[in-house]
Amino acid sequence: MAAKPRVAVTRVIPDAGLDLVREATDMRLWEDPLPPSADELDTLLTDASGALTLLTDLIDGPLLDRHPSLKVVSNFAVGFDNVDIDAATERGVAVCNTPGVLTETTAEMAFTLMMASARRVSEAIDYVRAGKWKTWGPTLLLGQDVVGATLGIVGFGRIGRELARMARGFNMTIMVYDPYEDPKAAEEFGVTYVSLDDLLRESDFVSLHAVLTDDTHHMISTGQFRAMKPTAVLVNAARGPVIDTDALVEALREGEIFAAGLDVTDPEPLPADHPLVALPNCTVVPHIASATVTSRDNMAILAANNLLAVLNDETPEAIVNPDVLKR
């Protein structure tokens, strides 16, 4: 009987996927709730043929060189900016991710942050908890309307398109910025492609869904905030570094925009004493856009199946660098 391949799993994931890996491999599991350090990750990967990783695990060329037995890195995430894709491809390492299974869930959270920020829900909860609620007031905690407003979506992939579908139910006018324009998608989802400048200038709500690259790093900074309406609400359910954090703090303090809702931050996690946490017009949640039981189970299953497919010389459902499979 052939020995099972050794696999490293860098965090406890839902049993729906973890049990698949445990049954089919010689699994080493990092059980601490905090991610492994660089040295601990090195130890975990010793003699491993595959790794099931999270966004917090840096997989670069030097690490891959230290672990030449690796055939696959399967990320428990849609994103993969923690992995040097070029380095992995050069070394024949397949990189997989989990798209599709969390699309609706993440779009739901973006819309939730949009609504909560516009209607000042976090401020209102704090107001009640602080014992300030004495009577109904005509000007108490006035927010911004969502129905009939203009929504600008930056990045029109799966999640951006699902958000557009939801927004149509609120009779919103939807503008999109994406360097790769898709006329069929524009017609299907009832959106208009515009420049980023036009989107920022005209939108009442701006929701970020762009992949983090060198081009999108800090794509929303001081100049962009000054272009936005003072009544605008910014939502980020993409990656923290898409926004220049210092510029966002300044924009919220100075009233350059009305509010922000953040599922992701830079740095992440955000320290409790960070200025964004203290700002009443900033709603911050701890990267939970995909955090439903169904979505996380489906992510775990897909990540596990991707990992096992490569180890079995099969084609995984979701692979970032498919050219590796041709070798």
C-alpha atoms as a PDB file:
ATOM      1  CA  MET A   1       0.000   0.000   0.000  1.00  0.00           C
ATOM      2  CA  ALA A   2       1.462   3.339  -1.089  1.00  0.00           C
ATOM      3  CA  ALA A   3       2.255   5.874   1.602  1.00  0.00           C
ATOM      4  CA  LYS A   4      -0.098   8.813   1.839  1.00  0.00           C
ATOM      5  CA  PRO A   5       1.328  12.149   0.679  1.00  0.00           C
ATOM      6  CA  ARG A   6       2.407  14.477   3.458  1.00  0.00           C
ATOM      7  CA  VAL A   7       0.379  17.684   3.563  1.00  0.00           C
ATOM      8  CA  ALA A   8       0.584  20.810   5.719  1.00  0.00           C
ATOM      9  CA  VAL A   9      -2.588  22.648   6.713  1.00  0.00           C
ATOM     10  CA  THR A  10      -1.739  26.037   8.175  1.00  0.00           C
ATOM     11  CA  ARG A  11      -4.925  26.614  10.202  1.00  0.00           C
ATOM     12  CA  VAL A  12      -7.974  24.760  11.411  1.00  0.00           C
ATOM     13  CA  ILE A  13     -10.638  24.977   8.677  1.00  0.00           C
ATOM     14  CA  PRO A  14     -14.201  23.597   8.767  1.00  0.00           C
ATOM     15  CA  ASP A  15     -14.427  19.821   9.094  1.00  0.00           C
ATOM     16  CA  ALA A  16     -16.231  19.597   5.761  1.00  0.00           C
ATOM     17  CA  GLY A  17     -12.856  20.097   4.075  1.00  0.00           C
ATOM     18  CA  LEU A  18     -10.455  19.142   6.825  1.00  0.00           C
ATOM     19  CA  ASP A  19     -11.859  15.610   7.022  1.00  0.00           C
ATOM     20  CA  LEU A  20     -11.245  15.133   3.294  1.00  0.00           C
ATOM     21  CA  VAL A  21      -7.590  16.056   3.719  1.00  0.00           C
ATOM     22  CA  ARG A  22      -7.189  14.049   6.911  1.00  0.00           C
ATOM     23  CA  GLU A  23      -8.544  10.886   5.273  1.00  0.00           C
ATOM     24  CA  ALA A  24      -6.474  11.088   2.086  1.00  0.00           C
ATOM     25  CA  THR A  25      -3.135  12.349   3.366  1.00  0.00           C
ATOM     26  CA  ASP A  26      -0.580  12.310   6.133  1.00  0.00           C
ATOM     27  CA  MET A  27      -1.769  15.658   7.460  1.00  0.00           C
ATOM     28  CA  ARG A  28       0.146  18.077   9.667  1.00  0.00           C
ATOM     29  CA  LEU A  29      -2.234  20.652  11.106  1.00  0.00           C
ATOM     30  CA  TRP A  30      -1.335  23.995  12.664  1.00  0.00           C
ATOM     31  CA  GLU A  31      -3.904  24.175  15.461  1.00  0.00           C
ATOM     32  CA  ASP A  32      -3.045  27.535  16.998  1.00  0.00           C
ATOM     33  CA  PRO A  33      -5.663  30.245  16.276  1.00  0.00           C
ATOM     34  CA  LEU A  34      -2.877  32.635  15.280  1.00  0.00           C
ATOM     35  CA  PRO A  35      -0.977  31.965  12.041  1.00  0.00           C
ATOM     36  CA  PRO A  36       2.409  30.241  12.134  1.00  0.00           C
ATOM     37  CA  SER A  37       5.488  32.434  12.076  1.00  0.00           C
ATOM     38  CA  ALA A  38       7.868  32.181   9.133  1.00  0.00           C
ATOM     39  CA  ASP A  39      10.032  29.681  11.038  1.00  0.00           C
ATOM     40  CA  GLU A  40       7.016  27.678  12.178  1.00  0.00           C
ATOM     41  CA  LEU A  41       5.676  27.579   8.629  1.00  0.00           C
ATOM     42  CA  ASP A  42       9.046  26.277   7.441  1.00  0.00           C
ATOM     43  CA  THR A  43       8.905  23.478   9.974  1.00  0.00           C
ATOM     44  CA  LEU A  44       5.307  22.648   9.103  1.00  0.00           C
ATOM     45  CA  LEU A  45       6.202  22.335   5.407  1.00  0.00           C
ATOM     46  CA  THR A  46       9.092  19.917   5.913  1.00  0.00           C
ATOM     47  CA  ASP A  47       8.827  17.099   3.336  1.00  0.00           C
ATOM     48  CA  ALA A  48       5.294  18.203   2.410  1.00  0.00           C
ATOM     49  CA  SER A  49       3.935  17.519  -1.079  1.00  0.00           C
ATOM     50  CA  GLY A  50       1.088  19.977  -0.627  1.00  0.00           C
ATOM     51  CA  ALA A  51      -0.006  22.871   1.536  1.00  0.00           C
ATOM     52  CA  LEU A  52      -3.457  24.204   2.332  1.00  0.00           C
ATOM     53  CA  THR A  53      -2.830  27.829   3.247  1.00  0.00           C
ATOM     54  CA  LEU A  54      -4.492  31.087   4.278  1.00  0.00           C
ATOM     55  CA  LEU A  55      -3.899  34.664   3.153  1.00  0.00           C
ATOM     56  CA  THR A  56      -1.739  35.185   6.238  1.00  0.00           C
ATOM     57  CA  ASP A  57       0.851  32.635   5.003  1.00  0.00           C
ATOM     58  CA  LEU A  58       3.574  34.164   2.823  1.00  0.00           C
ATOM     59  CA  ILE A  59       4.599  31.740   0.097  1.00  0.00           C
ATOM     60  CA  ASP A  60       7.517  33.184  -1.886  1.00  0.00           C
ATOM     61  CA  GLY A  61      10.431  31.944  -3.956  1.00  0.00           C
ATOM     62  CA  PRO A  62      12.912  31.420  -1.094  1.00  0.00           C
ATOM     63  CA  LEU A  63      10.362  29.401   0.877  1.00  0.00           C
ATOM     64  CA  LEU A  64       9.548  27.260  -2.156  1.00  0.00           C
ATOM     65  CA  ASP A  65      13.268  26.667  -2.720  1.00  0.00           C
ATOM     66  CA  ARG A  66      13.548  25.366   0.825  1.00  0.00           C
ATOM     67  CA  HIS A  67      10.699  22.933   0.167  1.00  0.00           C
ATOM     68  CA  PRO A  68      11.237  21.447  -3.311  1.00  0.00           C
ATOM     69  CA  SER A  69       8.844  18.587  -2.538  1.00  0.00           C
ATOM     70  CA  LEU A  70       5.841  20.959  -2.749  1.00  0.00           C
ATOM     71  CA  LYS A  71       3.583  20.316  -5.733  1.00  0.00           C
ATOM     72  CA  VAL A  72       0.599  22.449  -4.764  1.00  0.00           C
ATOM     73  CA  VAL A  73      -0.385  25.403  -2.617  1.00  0.00           C
ATOM     74  CA  SER A  74      -4.149  25.481  -2.145  1.00  0.00           C
ATOM     75  CA  ASN A  75      -5.346  28.784  -0.696  1.00  0.00           C
ATOM     76  CA  PHE A  76      -8.433  28.866   1.496  1.00  0.00           C
ATOM     77  CA  ALA A  77      -9.475  32.161  -0.122  1.00  0.00           C
ATOM     78  CA  VAL A  78     -10.465  33.725  -3.403  1.00  0.00           C
ATOM     79  CA  GLY A  79      -7.416  35.971  -3.208  1.00  0.00           C
ATOM     80  CA  PHE A  80      -3.858  34.759  -3.587  1.00  0.00           C
ATOM     81  CA  ASP A  81      -1.718  37.849  -3.019  1.00  0.00           C
ATOM     82  CA  ASN A  82       0.092  35.940  -0.263  1.00  0.00           C
ATOM     83  CA  VAL A  83       1.630  33.701  -2.929  1.00  0.00           C
ATOM     84  CA  ASP A  84       4.298  34.719  -5.424  1.00  0.00           C
ATOM     85  CA  ILE A  85       2.575  33.235  -8.461  1.00  0.00           C
ATOM     86  CA  ASP A  86       5.534  33.746 -10.813  1.00  0.00           C
ATOM     87  CA  ALA A  87       7.888  32.043  -8.377  1.00  0.00           C
ATOM     88  CA  ALA A  88       5.480  29.132  -7.932  1.00  0.00           C
ATOM     89  CA  THR A  89       5.007  28.731 -11.674  1.00  0.00           C
ATOM     90  CA  GLU A  90       8.752  28.790 -12.315  1.00  0.00           C
ATOM     91  CA  ARG A  91       9.150  25.967  -9.829  1.00  0.00           C
ATOM     92  CA  GLY A  92       6.238  23.933 -11.139  1.00  0.00           C
ATOM     93  CA  VAL A  93       4.052  24.469  -8.084  1.00  0.00           C
ATOM     94  CA  ALA A  94       0.312  24.677  -8.725  1.00  0.00           C
ATOM     95  CA  VAL A  95      -1.527  27.472  -6.897  1.00  0.00           C
ATOM     96  CA  CYS A  96      -5.251  27.051  -6.270  1.00  0.00           C
ATOM     97  CA  ASN A  97      -7.955  29.234  -4.733  1.00  0.00           C
ATOM     98  CA  THR A  98     -11.666  29.152  -3.870  1.00  0.00           C
ATOM     99  CA  PRO A  99     -13.638  31.431  -6.208  1.00  0.00           C
ATOM    100  CA  GLY A 100     -17.368  31.240  -6.754  1.00  0.00           C
ATOM    101  CA  VAL A 101     -18.391  29.604  -3.480  1.00  0.00           C
ATOM    102  CA  LEU A 102     -18.398  32.863  -1.506  1.00  0.00           C
ATOM    103  CA  THR A 103     -19.611  35.317  -4.145  1.00  0.00           C
ATOM    104  CA  GLU A 104     -23.099  35.988  -2.796  1.00  0.00           C
ATOM    105  CA  THR A 105     -21.952  35.960   0.826  1.00  0.00           C
ATOM    106  CA  THR A 106     -19.234  38.550   0.230  1.00  0.00           C
ATOM    107  CA  ALA A 107     -21.549  40.763  -1.804  1.00  0.00           C
ATOM    108  CA  GLU A 108     -24.074  40.553   1.050  1.00  0.00           C
ATOM    109  CA  MET A 109     -21.477  41.869   3.474  1.00  0.00           C
ATOM    110  CA  ALA A 110     -20.517  44.707   1.129  1.00  0.00           C
ATOM    111  CA  PHE A 111     -24.167  45.705   0.931  1.00  0.00           C
ATOM    112  CA  THR A 112     -24.510  45.332   4.710  1.00  0.00           C
ATOM    113  CA  LEU A 113     -21.568  47.675   5.275  1.00  0.00           C
ATOM    114  CA  MET A 114     -23.019  50.099   2.752  1.00  0.00           C
ATOM    115  CA  MET A 115     -26.378  50.192   4.542  1.00  0.00           C
ATOM    116  CA  ALA A 116     -24.881  50.245   8.052  1.00  0.00           C
ATOM    117  CA  SER A 117     -22.512  53.087   7.206  1.00  0.00           C
ATOM    118  CA  ALA A 118     -25.132  55.134   5.380  1.00  0.00           C
ATOM    119  CA  ARG A 119     -27.642  54.811   8.208  1.00  0.00           C
ATOM    120  CA  ARG A 120     -25.040  55.172  10.993  1.00  0.00           C
ATOM    121  CA  VAL A 121     -25.998  51.885  12.623  1.00  0.00           C
ATOM    122  CA  SER A 122     -22.784  51.497  14.605  1.00  0.00           C
ATOM    123  CA  GLU A 123     -23.075  55.037  15.961  1.00  0.00           C
ATOM    124  CA  ALA A 124     -26.727  54.429  16.868  1.00  0.00           C
ATOM    125  CA  ILE A 125     -25.898  51.256  18.796  1.00  0.00           C
ATOM    126  CA  ASP A 126     -23.160  53.070  20.716  1.00  0.00           C
ATOM    127  CA  TYR A 127     -25.587  55.944  21.382  1.00  0.00           C
ATOM    128  CA  VAL A 128     -28.101  53.618  23.018  1.00  0.00           C
ATOM    129  CA  ARG A 129     -25.485  51.659  24.956  1.00  0.00           C
ATOM    130  CA  ALA A 130     -24.035  54.897  26.317  1.00  0.00           C
ATOM    131  CA  GLY A 131     -27.428  55.867  27.762  1.00  0.00           C
ATOM    132  CA  LYS A 132     -27.796  58.903  25.497  1.00  0.00           C
ATOM    133  CA  TRP A 133     -31.212  57.936  24.118  1.00  0.00           C
ATOM    134  CA  LYS A 134     -33.645  60.203  25.959  1.00  0.00           C
ATOM    135  CA  THR A 135     -36.267  60.956  23.302  1.00  0.00           C
ATOM    136  CA  TRP A 136     -37.055  60.830  19.589  1.00  0.00           C
ATOM    137  CA  GLY A 137     -35.376  63.710  17.765  1.00  0.00           C
ATOM    138  CA  PRO A 138     -36.019  65.076  14.256  1.00  0.00           C
ATOM    139  CA  THR A 139     -32.311  65.515  13.532  1.00  0.00           C
ATOM    140  CA  LEU A 140     -30.925  62.602  15.500  1.00  0.00           C
ATOM    141  CA  LEU A 141     -28.275  60.526  13.636  1.00  0.00           C
ATOM    142  CA  LEU A 142     -29.346  61.534  10.147  1.00  0.00           C
ATOM    143  CA  GLY A 143     -27.877  59.316   7.445  1.00  0.00           C
ATOM    144  CA  GLN A 144     -27.885  58.935   3.675  1.00  0.00           C
ATOM    145  CA  ASP A 145     -30.513  57.325   1.447  1.00  0.00           C
ATOM    146  CA  VAL A 146     -29.636  54.097  -0.342  1.00  0.00           C
ATOM    147  CA  VAL A 147     -32.735  53.636  -2.492  1.00  0.00           C
ATOM    148  CA  GLY A 148     -32.322  55.538  -5.751  1.00  0.00           C
ATOM    149  CA  ALA A 149     -28.707  56.498  -5.033  1.00  0.00           C
ATOM    150  CA  THR A 150     -25.760  56.045  -7.375  1.00  0.00           C
ATOM    151  CA  LEU A 151     -23.456  53.121  -6.673  1.00  0.00           C
ATOM    152  CA  GLY A 152     -19.934  52.950  -8.084  1.00  0.00           C
ATOM    153  CA  ILE A 153     -18.370  49.497  -8.182  1.00  0.00           C
ATOM    154  CA  VAL A 154     -14.592  49.300  -8.600  1.00  0.00           C
ATOM    155  CA  GLY A 155     -13.729  45.875 -10.000  1.00  0.00           C
ATOM    156  CA  PHE A 156     -16.490  44.026 -11.836  1.00  0.00           C
ATOM    157  CA  GLY A 157     -15.739  40.370 -11.279  1.00  0.00           C
ATOM    158  CA  ARG A 158     -18.030  37.822  -9.651  1.00  0.00           C
ATOM    159  CA  ILE A 159     -18.551  39.726  -6.403  1.00  0.00           C
ATOM    160  CA  GLY A 160     -18.931  43.127  -8.052  1.00  0.00           C
ATOM    161  CA  ARG A 161     -21.551  41.697 -10.393  1.00  0.00           C
ATOM    162  CA  GLU A 162     -23.487  40.092  -7.564  1.00  0.00           C
ATOM    163  CA  LEU A 163     -23.460  43.415  -5.695  1.00  0.00           C
ATOM    164  CA  ALA A 164     -24.869  45.089  -8.812  1.00  0.00           C
ATOM    165  CA  ARG A 165     -27.638  42.502  -8.935  1.00  0.00           C
ATOM    166  CA  MET A 166     -28.557  43.284  -5.326  1.00  0.00           C
ATOM    167  CA  ALA A 167     -28.379  47.043  -5.888  1.00  0.00           C
ATOM    168  CA  ARG A 168     -30.872  46.888  -8.720  1.00  0.00           C
ATOM    169  CA  GLY A 169     -33.473  45.836  -6.148  1.00  0.00           C
ATOM    170  CA  PHE A 170     -32.907  49.198  -4.472  1.00  0.00           C
ATOM    171  CA  ASN A 171     -33.393  51.074  -7.745  1.00  0.00           C
ATOM    172  CA  MET A 172     -29.789  52.274  -7.688  1.00  0.00           C
ATOM    173  CA  THR A 173     -27.978  53.744 -10.672  1.00  0.00           C
ATOM    174  CA  ILE A 174     -24.850  51.632 -11.075  1.00  0.00           C
ATOM    175  CA  MET A 175     -21.524  52.718 -12.524  1.00  0.00           C
ATOM    176  CA  VAL A 176     -18.537  50.436 -12.879  1.00  0.00           C
ATOM    177  CA  TYR A 177     -14.814  50.925 -13.252  1.00  0.00           C
ATOM    178  CA  ASP A 178     -12.810  47.967 -14.493  1.00  0.00           C
ATOM    179  CA  PRO A 179      -9.905  48.064 -16.962  1.00  0.00           C
ATOM    180  CA  TYR A 180     -11.451  45.065 -18.738  1.00  0.00           C
ATOM    181  CA  GLU A 181     -14.840  46.229 -19.971  1.00  0.00           C
ATOM    182  CA  ASP A 182     -17.458  43.616 -20.800  1.00  0.00           C
ATOM    183  CA  PRO A 183     -20.371  45.042 -22.862  1.00  0.00           C
ATOM    184  CA  LYS A 184     -22.452  41.890 -22.350  1.00  0.00           C
ATOM    185  CA  ALA A 185     -22.059  42.143 -18.593  1.00  0.00           C
ATOM    186  CA  ALA A 186     -22.972  45.836 -18.723  1.00  0.00           C
ATOM    187  CA  GLU A 187     -26.224  44.966 -20.449  1.00  0.00           C
ATOM    188  CA  GLU A 188     -26.986  41.963 -18.230  1.00  0.00           C
ATOM    189  CA  PHE A 189     -26.457  43.809 -14.955  1.00  0.00           C
ATOM    190  CA  GLY A 190     -27.701  47.221 -16.047  1.00  0.00           C
ATOM    191  CA  VAL A 191     -24.461  49.067 -15.395  1.00  0.00           C
ATOM    192  CA  THR A 192     -22.438  51.717 -17.195  1.00  0.00           C
ATOM    193  CA  TYR A 193     -18.647  51.539 -17.509  1.00  0.00           C
ATOM    194  CA  VAL A 194     -16.945  54.842 -16.652  1.00  0.00           C
ATOM    195  CA  SER A 195     -13.483  56.089 -15.732  1.00  0.00           C
ATOM    196  CA  LEU A 196     -12.391  55.857 -12.109  1.00  0.00           C
ATOM    197  CA  ASP A 197     -12.394  59.657 -11.868  1.00  0.00           C
ATOM    198  CA  ASP A 198     -15.981  59.897 -13.098  1.00  0.00           C
ATOM    199  CA  LEU A 199     -17.089  57.090 -10.803  1.00  0.00           C
ATOM    200  CA  LEU A 200     -15.595  58.732  -7.729  1.00  0.00           C
ATOM    201  CA  ARG A 201     -16.986  62.132  -8.594  1.00  0.00           C
ATOM    202  CA  GLU A 202     -20.560  60.983  -9.271  1.00  0.00           C
ATOM    203  CA  SER A 203     -21.159  58.088  -6.872  1.00  0.00           C
ATOM    204  CA  ASP A 204     -23.044  58.269  -3.598  1.00  0.00           C
ATOM    205  CA  PHE A 205     -21.564  54.892  -2.657  1.00  0.00           C
ATOM    206  CA  VAL A 206     -18.237  53.433  -3.775  1.00  0.00           C
ATOM    207  CA  SER A 207     -17.660  49.717  -3.213  1.00  0.00           C
ATOM    208  CA  LEU A 208     -14.201  48.261  -3.828  1.00  0.00           C
ATOM    209  CA  HIS A 209     -13.839  44.764  -5.314  1.00  0.00           C
ATOM    210  CA  ALA A 210     -10.521  45.034  -7.131  1.00  0.00           C
ATOM    211  CA  VAL A 211      -7.782  42.421  -6.933  1.00  0.00           C
ATOM    212  CA  LEU A 212      -4.703  43.661  -5.064  1.00  0.00           C
ATOM    213  CA  THR A 213      -1.848  44.264  -7.510  1.00  0.00           C
ATOM    214  CA  ASP A 214       0.908  46.830  -7.876  1.00  0.00           C
ATOM    215  CA  ASP A 215      -1.543  48.909  -9.934  1.00  0.00           C
ATOM    216  CA  THR A 216      -4.348  48.791  -7.370  1.00  0.00           C
ATOM    217  CA  HIS A 217      -2.181  49.313  -4.267  1.00  0.00           C
ATOM    218  CA  HIS A 218      -3.368  52.608  -2.705  1.00  0.00           C
ATOM    219  CA  MET A 219      -5.585  53.270  -5.731  1.00  0.00           C
ATOM    220  CA  ILE A 220      -7.852  55.176  -3.326  1.00  0.00           C
ATOM    221  CA  SER A 221      -5.773  57.895  -1.680  1.00  0.00           C
ATOM    222  CA  THR A 222      -5.842  61.621  -0.974  1.00  0.00           C
ATOM    223  CA  GLY A 223      -6.666  62.752  -4.501  1.00  0.00           C
ATOM    224  CA  GLN A 224      -9.444  60.213  -4.849  1.00  0.00           C
ATOM    225  CA  PHE A 225     -11.062  61.180  -1.552  1.00  0.00           C
ATOM    226  CA  ARG A 226     -11.023  64.840  -2.534  1.00  0.00           C
ATOM    227  CA  ALA A 227     -12.794  63.922  -5.766  1.00  0.00           C
ATOM    228  CA  MET A 228     -15.642  62.166  -3.919  1.00  0.00           C
ATOM    229  CA  LYS A 229     -18.825  63.753  -2.622  1.00  0.00           C
ATOM    230  CA  PRO A 230     -18.795  64.844   1.032  1.00  0.00           C
ATOM    231  CA  THR A 231     -21.937  62.708   1.389  1.00  0.00           C
ATOM    232  CA  ALA A 232     -20.300  59.614  -0.146  1.00  0.00           C
ATOM    233  CA  VAL A 233     -19.847  56.279   1.604  1.00  0.00           C
ATOM    234  CA  LEU A 234     -16.835  54.078   0.839  1.00  0.00           C
ATOM    235  CA  VAL A 235     -16.941  50.293   1.300  1.00  0.00           C
ATOM    236  CA  ASN A 236     -13.972  47.939   1.070  1.00  0.00           C
ATOM    237  CA  ALA A 237     -14.550  44.188   0.829  1.00  0.00           C
ATOM    238  CA  ALA A 238     -11.524  43.600  -1.416  1.00  0.00           C
ATOM    239  CA  ARG A 239      -8.079  43.983   0.184  1.00  0.00           C
ATOM    240  CA  GLY A 240      -6.950  46.503   2.777  1.00  0.00           C
ATOM    241  CA  PRO A 241      -4.004  48.002   0.855  1.00  0.00           C
ATOM    242  CA  VAL A 242      -6.292  49.083  -2.010  1.00  0.00           C
ATOM    243  CA  ILE A 243      -6.938  52.071   0.269  1.00  0.00           C
ATOM    244  CA  ASP A 244      -4.271  54.413   1.634  1.00  0.00           C
ATOM    245  CA  THR A 245      -5.176  54.100   5.324  1.00  0.00           C
ATOM    246  CA  ASP A 246      -3.629  57.402   6.409  1.00  0.00           C
ATOM    247  CA  ALA A 247      -5.505  59.218   3.656  1.00  0.00           C
ATOM    248  CA  LEU A 248      -8.762  57.539   4.716  1.00  0.00           C
ATOM    249  CA  VAL A 249      -8.308  58.653   8.324  1.00  0.00           C
ATOM    250  CA  GLU A 250      -7.789  62.212   7.145  1.00  0.00           C
ATOM    251  CA  ALA A 251     -10.769  62.100   4.764  1.00  0.00           C
ATOM    252  CA  LEU A 252     -13.109  60.851   7.498  1.00  0.00           C
ATOM    253  CA  ARG A 253     -11.833  63.351  10.060  1.00  0.00           C
ATOM    254  CA  GLU A 254     -12.094  66.302   7.680  1.00  0.00           C
ATOM    255  CA  GLY A 255     -15.500  65.348   6.289  1.00  0.00           C
ATOM    256  CA  GLU A 256     -14.211  64.790   2.766  1.00  0.00           C
ATOM    257  CA  ILE A 257     -16.481  61.733   2.719  1.00  0.00           C
ATOM    258  CA  PHE A 258     -19.460  60.866   4.917  1.00  0.00           C
ATOM    259  CA  ALA A 259     -18.479  57.407   6.133  1.00  0.00           C
ATOM    260  CA  ALA A 260     -16.600  54.184   5.428  1.00  0.00           C
ATOM    261  CA  GLY A 261     -17.386  50.513   5.982  1.00  0.00           C
ATOM    262  CA  LEU A 262     -14.403  48.178   6.039  1.00  0.00           C
ATOM    263  CA  ASP A 263     -14.282  44.395   6.033  1.00  0.00           C
ATOM    264  CA  VAL A 264     -10.547  44.524   5.278  1.00  0.00           C
ATOM    265  CA  THR A 265      -7.900  46.928   6.513  1.00  0.00           C
ATOM    266  CA  ASP A 266      -4.243  47.852   6.218  1.00  0.00           C
ATOM    267  CA  PRO A 267      -2.725  46.811   8.558  1.00  0.00           C
ATOM    268  CA  GLU A 268      -4.738  43.703   9.250  1.00  0.00           C
ATOM    269  CA  PRO A 269      -5.716  42.968  11.908  1.00  0.00           C
ATOM    270  CA  LEU A 270      -6.327  46.574  12.861  1.00  0.00           C
ATOM    271  CA  PRO A 271      -5.126  47.410  16.402  1.00  0.00           C
ATOM    272  CA  ALA A 272      -7.889  48.440  18.805  1.00  0.00           C
ATOM    273  CA  ASP A 273      -6.172  51.805  19.345  1.00  0.00           C
ATOM    274  CA  HIS A 274      -5.967  52.611  15.614  1.00  0.00           C
ATOM    275  CA  PRO A 275      -7.555  55.950  14.631  1.00  0.00           C
ATOM    276  CA  LEU A 276     -10.032  54.242  12.284  1.00  0.00           C
ATOM    277  CA  VAL A 277     -11.492  52.245  15.163  1.00  0.00           C
ATOM    278  CA  ALA A 278     -12.198  55.405  17.158  1.00  0.00           C
ATOM    279  CA  LEU A 279     -13.800  57.336  14.309  1.00  0.00           C
ATOM    280  CA  PRO A 280     -17.597  57.303  14.669  1.00  0.00           C
ATOM    281  CA  ASN A 281     -18.100  57.431  10.906  1.00  0.00           C
ATOM    282  CA  CYS A 282     -16.017  54.309  10.233  1.00  0.00           C
ATOM    283  CA  THR A 283     -17.486  50.825  10.634  1.00  0.00           C
ATOM    284  CA  VAL A 284     -14.798  48.137  10.859  1.00  0.00           C
ATOM    285  CA  VAL A 285     -15.477  44.392  10.964  1.00  0.00           C
ATOM    286  CA  PRO A 286     -12.766  41.693  11.187  1.00  0.00           C
ATOM    287  CA  HIS A 287     -12.594  40.316   7.619  1.00  0.00           C
ATOM    288  CA  ILE A 288     -15.824  38.323   7.898  1.00  0.00           C
ATOM    289  CA  ALA A 289     -17.367  38.872   4.464  1.00  0.00           C
ATOM    290  CA  SER A 290     -17.415  35.142   3.712  1.00  0.00           C
ATOM    291  CA  ALA A 291     -18.214  34.127   7.288  1.00  0.00           C
ATOM    292  CA  THR A 292     -21.342  32.052   6.971  1.00  0.00           C
ATOM    293  CA  VAL A 293     -21.474  28.361   7.783  1.00  0.00           C
ATOM    294  CA  THR A 294     -22.399  27.402   4.218  1.00  0.00           C
ATOM    295  CA  SER A 295     -19.767  29.545   2.521  1.00  0.00           C
ATOM    296  CA  ARG A 296     -16.918  28.518   4.805  1.00  0.00           C
ATOM    297  CA  ASP A 297     -17.859  24.834   4.442  1.00  0.00           C
ATOM    298  CA  ASN A 298     -17.871  25.214   0.662  1.00  0.00           C
ATOM    299  CA  MET A 299     -14.527  27.022   0.752  1.00  0.00           C
ATOM    300  CA  ALA A 300     -13.044  24.221   2.832  1.00  0.00           C
ATOM    301  CA  ILE A 301     -14.353  21.539   0.479  1.00  0.00           C
ATOM    302  CA  LEU A 302     -13.076  23.341  -2.625  1.00  0.00           C
ATOM    303  CA  ALA A 303      -9.657  24.038  -1.076  1.00  0.00           C
ATOM    304  CA  ALA A 304      -9.350  20.393  -0.041  1.00  0.00           C
ATOM    305  CA  ASN A 305     -10.475  19.067  -3.417  1.00  0.00           C
ATOM    306  CA  ASN A 306      -8.088  21.385  -5.248  1.00  0.00           C
ATOM    307  CA  LEU A 307      -5.212  20.156  -3.100  1.00  0.00           C
ATOM    308  CA  LEU A 308      -6.042  16.481  -3.544  1.00  0.00           C
ATOM    309  CA  ALA A 309      -6.645  16.801  -7.275  1.00  0.00           C
ATOM    310  CA  VAL A 310      -3.127  18.097  -7.918  1.00  0.00           C
ATOM    311  CA  LEU A 311      -1.591  15.441  -5.661  1.00  0.00           C
ATOM    312  CA  ASN A 312      -3.497  12.813  -7.677  1.00  0.00           C
ATOM    313  CA  ASP A 313      -2.313  14.290 -11.006  1.00  0.00           C
ATOM    314  CA  GLU A 314      -5.834  15.485 -11.778  1.00  0.00           C
ATOM    315  CA  THR A 315      -7.066  18.914 -12.840  1.00  0.00           C
ATOM    316  CA  PRO A 316      -8.325  20.978  -9.876  1.00  0.00           C
ATOM    317  CA  GLU A 317     -11.549  22.934 -10.126  1.00  0.00           C
ATOM    318  CA  ALA A 318      -9.844  26.266  -9.439  1.00  0.00           C
ATOM    319  CA  ILE A 319      -6.206  26.891 -10.347  1.00  0.00           C
ATOM    320  CA  VAL A 320      -4.481  30.241 -10.658  1.00  0.00           C
ATOM    321  CA  ASN A 321      -1.539  29.103 -12.830  1.00  0.00           C
ATOM    322  CA  PRO A 322      -2.905  26.325 -15.100  1.00  0.00           C
ATOM    323  CA  ASP A 323       0.240  26.279 -17.272  1.00  0.00           C
ATOM    324  CA  VAL A 324       1.911  24.311 -14.492  1.00  0.00           C
ATOM    325  CA  LEU A 325      -0.366  21.351 -15.261  1.00  0.00           C
ATOM    326  CA  LYS A 326       0.918  21.155 -18.851  1.00  0.00           C
ATOM    327  CA  ARG A 327       4.437  20.309 -17.712  1.00  0.00           C
END
